[in-house]
Amino acid sequence: MIKVNGRDYPWRAELSVKQLLAEMNFTFPLIIVVINGKTVPKDEFTCTVIENGDDIQAIHLICGG
């Protein structure tokens, strides 16, 4: 089990950040992902594998005026 934005989510082996975002329909152009307090660079979303028990924060940035 992992936590995504404070909610339980089922974990599976080889789940990447990119796959998780797609499954959860997080398609925002500006998004920050933090795993266990460490920011994951956007260019590492595909190769970063989520481990069982990880705490993930997916934060989308909104700009306005």
C-alpha atoms as a PDB file:
ATOM      1  CA  MET A   1       0.000   0.000   0.000  1.00  0.00           C
ATOM      2  CA  ILE A   2       1.191   3.519  -0.756  1.00  0.00           C
ATOM      3  CA  LYS A   3      -0.232   6.916   0.131  1.00  0.00           C
ATOM      4  CA  VAL A   4      -1.026   9.414  -2.609  1.00  0.00           C
ATOM      5  CA  ASN A   5      -1.956  12.879  -1.388  1.00  0.00           C
ATOM      6  CA  GLY A   6      -2.870  11.380   1.989  1.00  0.00           C
ATOM      7  CA  ARG A   7      -5.061   8.562   0.645  1.00  0.00           C
ATOM      8  CA  ASP A   8      -4.291   4.863   0.490  1.00  0.00           C
ATOM      9  CA  TYR A   9      -3.620   3.481  -2.989  1.00  0.00           C
ATOM     10  CA  PRO A  10      -2.722  -0.091  -3.948  1.00  0.00           C
ATOM     11  CA  TRP A  11       0.939  -0.687  -4.700  1.00  0.00           C
ATOM     12  CA  ARG A  12       2.362  -3.058  -7.294  1.00  0.00           C
ATOM     13  CA  ALA A  13       5.880  -3.920  -8.322  1.00  0.00           C
ATOM     14  CA  GLU A  14       7.546  -1.789 -11.011  1.00  0.00           C
ATOM     15  CA  LEU A  15       4.999   1.045 -10.668  1.00  0.00           C
ATOM     16  CA  SER A  16       6.660   4.219 -11.974  1.00  0.00           C
ATOM     17  CA  VAL A  17       5.738   7.783 -11.155  1.00  0.00           C
ATOM     18  CA  LYS A  18       4.625   8.309 -14.763  1.00  0.00           C
ATOM     19  CA  GLN A  19       2.323   5.245 -14.614  1.00  0.00           C
ATOM     20  CA  LEU A  20       0.819   6.332 -11.298  1.00  0.00           C
ATOM     21  CA  LEU A  21       0.068   9.830 -12.599  1.00  0.00           C
ATOM     22  CA  ALA A  22      -1.590   8.375 -15.709  1.00  0.00           C
ATOM     23  CA  GLU A  23      -3.693   5.921 -13.649  1.00  0.00           C
ATOM     24  CA  MET A  24      -4.887   8.733 -11.409  1.00  0.00           C
ATOM     25  CA  ASN A  25      -5.589  11.020 -14.403  1.00  0.00           C
ATOM     26  CA  PHE A  26      -3.114  13.641 -13.217  1.00  0.00           C
ATOM     27  CA  THR A  27      -2.490  15.254 -16.591  1.00  0.00           C
ATOM     28  CA  PHE A  28      -1.685  18.772 -15.435  1.00  0.00           C
ATOM     29  CA  PRO A  29       1.136  20.356 -17.463  1.00  0.00           C
ATOM     30  CA  LEU A  30       2.833  21.723 -14.333  1.00  0.00           C
ATOM     31  CA  ILE A  31       3.048  19.062 -11.636  1.00  0.00           C
ATOM     32  CA  ILE A  32       5.498  18.424  -8.813  1.00  0.00           C
ATOM     33  CA  VAL A  33       5.901  14.955  -7.330  1.00  0.00           C
ATOM     34  CA  VAL A  34       7.426  14.423  -3.900  1.00  0.00           C
ATOM     35  CA  ILE A  35       8.175  10.924  -2.594  1.00  0.00           C
ATOM     36  CA  ASN A  36       8.968  10.603   1.103  1.00  0.00           C
ATOM     37  CA  GLY A  37       9.905  14.286   1.242  1.00  0.00           C
ATOM     38  CA  LYS A  38      12.199  14.202  -1.820  1.00  0.00           C
ATOM     39  CA  THR A  39      11.238  15.997  -5.033  1.00  0.00           C
ATOM     40  CA  VAL A  40      11.387  13.854  -8.174  1.00  0.00           C
ATOM     41  CA  PRO A  41      12.560  15.751 -11.281  1.00  0.00           C
ATOM     42  CA  LYS A  42      10.057  15.592 -14.139  1.00  0.00           C
ATOM     43  CA  ASP A  43      12.611  13.975 -16.447  1.00  0.00           C
ATOM     44  CA  GLU A  44      12.873  11.072 -13.957  1.00  0.00           C
ATOM     45  CA  PHE A  45       9.121  10.269 -13.752  1.00  0.00           C
ATOM     46  CA  THR A  46       9.500   7.311 -16.145  1.00  0.00           C
ATOM     47  CA  CYS A  47      12.493   5.724 -14.407  1.00  0.00           C
ATOM     48  CA  THR A  48      11.518   6.401 -10.776  1.00  0.00           C
ATOM     49  CA  VAL A  49       9.908   3.285  -9.310  1.00  0.00           C
ATOM     50  CA  ILE A  50       7.570   3.632  -6.340  1.00  0.00           C
ATOM     51  CA  GLU A  51       8.261   1.312  -3.419  1.00  0.00           C
ATOM     52  CA  ASN A  52       5.701  -0.283  -1.121  1.00  0.00           C
ATOM     53  CA  GLY A  53       4.958   2.079   1.769  1.00  0.00           C
ATOM     54  CA  ASP A  54       6.020   5.263  -0.059  1.00  0.00           C
ATOM     55  CA  ASP A  55       4.255   8.532   0.712  1.00  0.00           C
ATOM     56  CA  ILE A  56       3.643  10.443  -2.535  1.00  0.00           C
ATOM     57  CA  GLN A  57       2.481  14.020  -2.937  1.00  0.00           C
ATOM     58  CA  ALA A  58       1.381  15.104  -6.417  1.00  0.00           C
ATOM     59  CA  ILE A  59       0.914  18.850  -6.512  1.00  0.00           C
ATOM     60  CA  HIS A  60      -0.251  20.684  -9.608  1.00  0.00           C
ATOM     61  CA  LEU A  61       0.729  24.290 -10.035  1.00  0.00           C
ATOM     62  CA  ILE A  62      -1.828  26.818 -11.151  1.00  0.00           C
ATOM     63  CA  CYS A  63      -1.014  30.260 -12.419  1.00  0.00           C
ATOM     64  CA  GLY A  64      -3.455  33.039 -12.752  1.00  0.00           C
ATOM     65  CA  GLY A  65      -3.773  36.724 -12.918  1.00  0.00           C
END
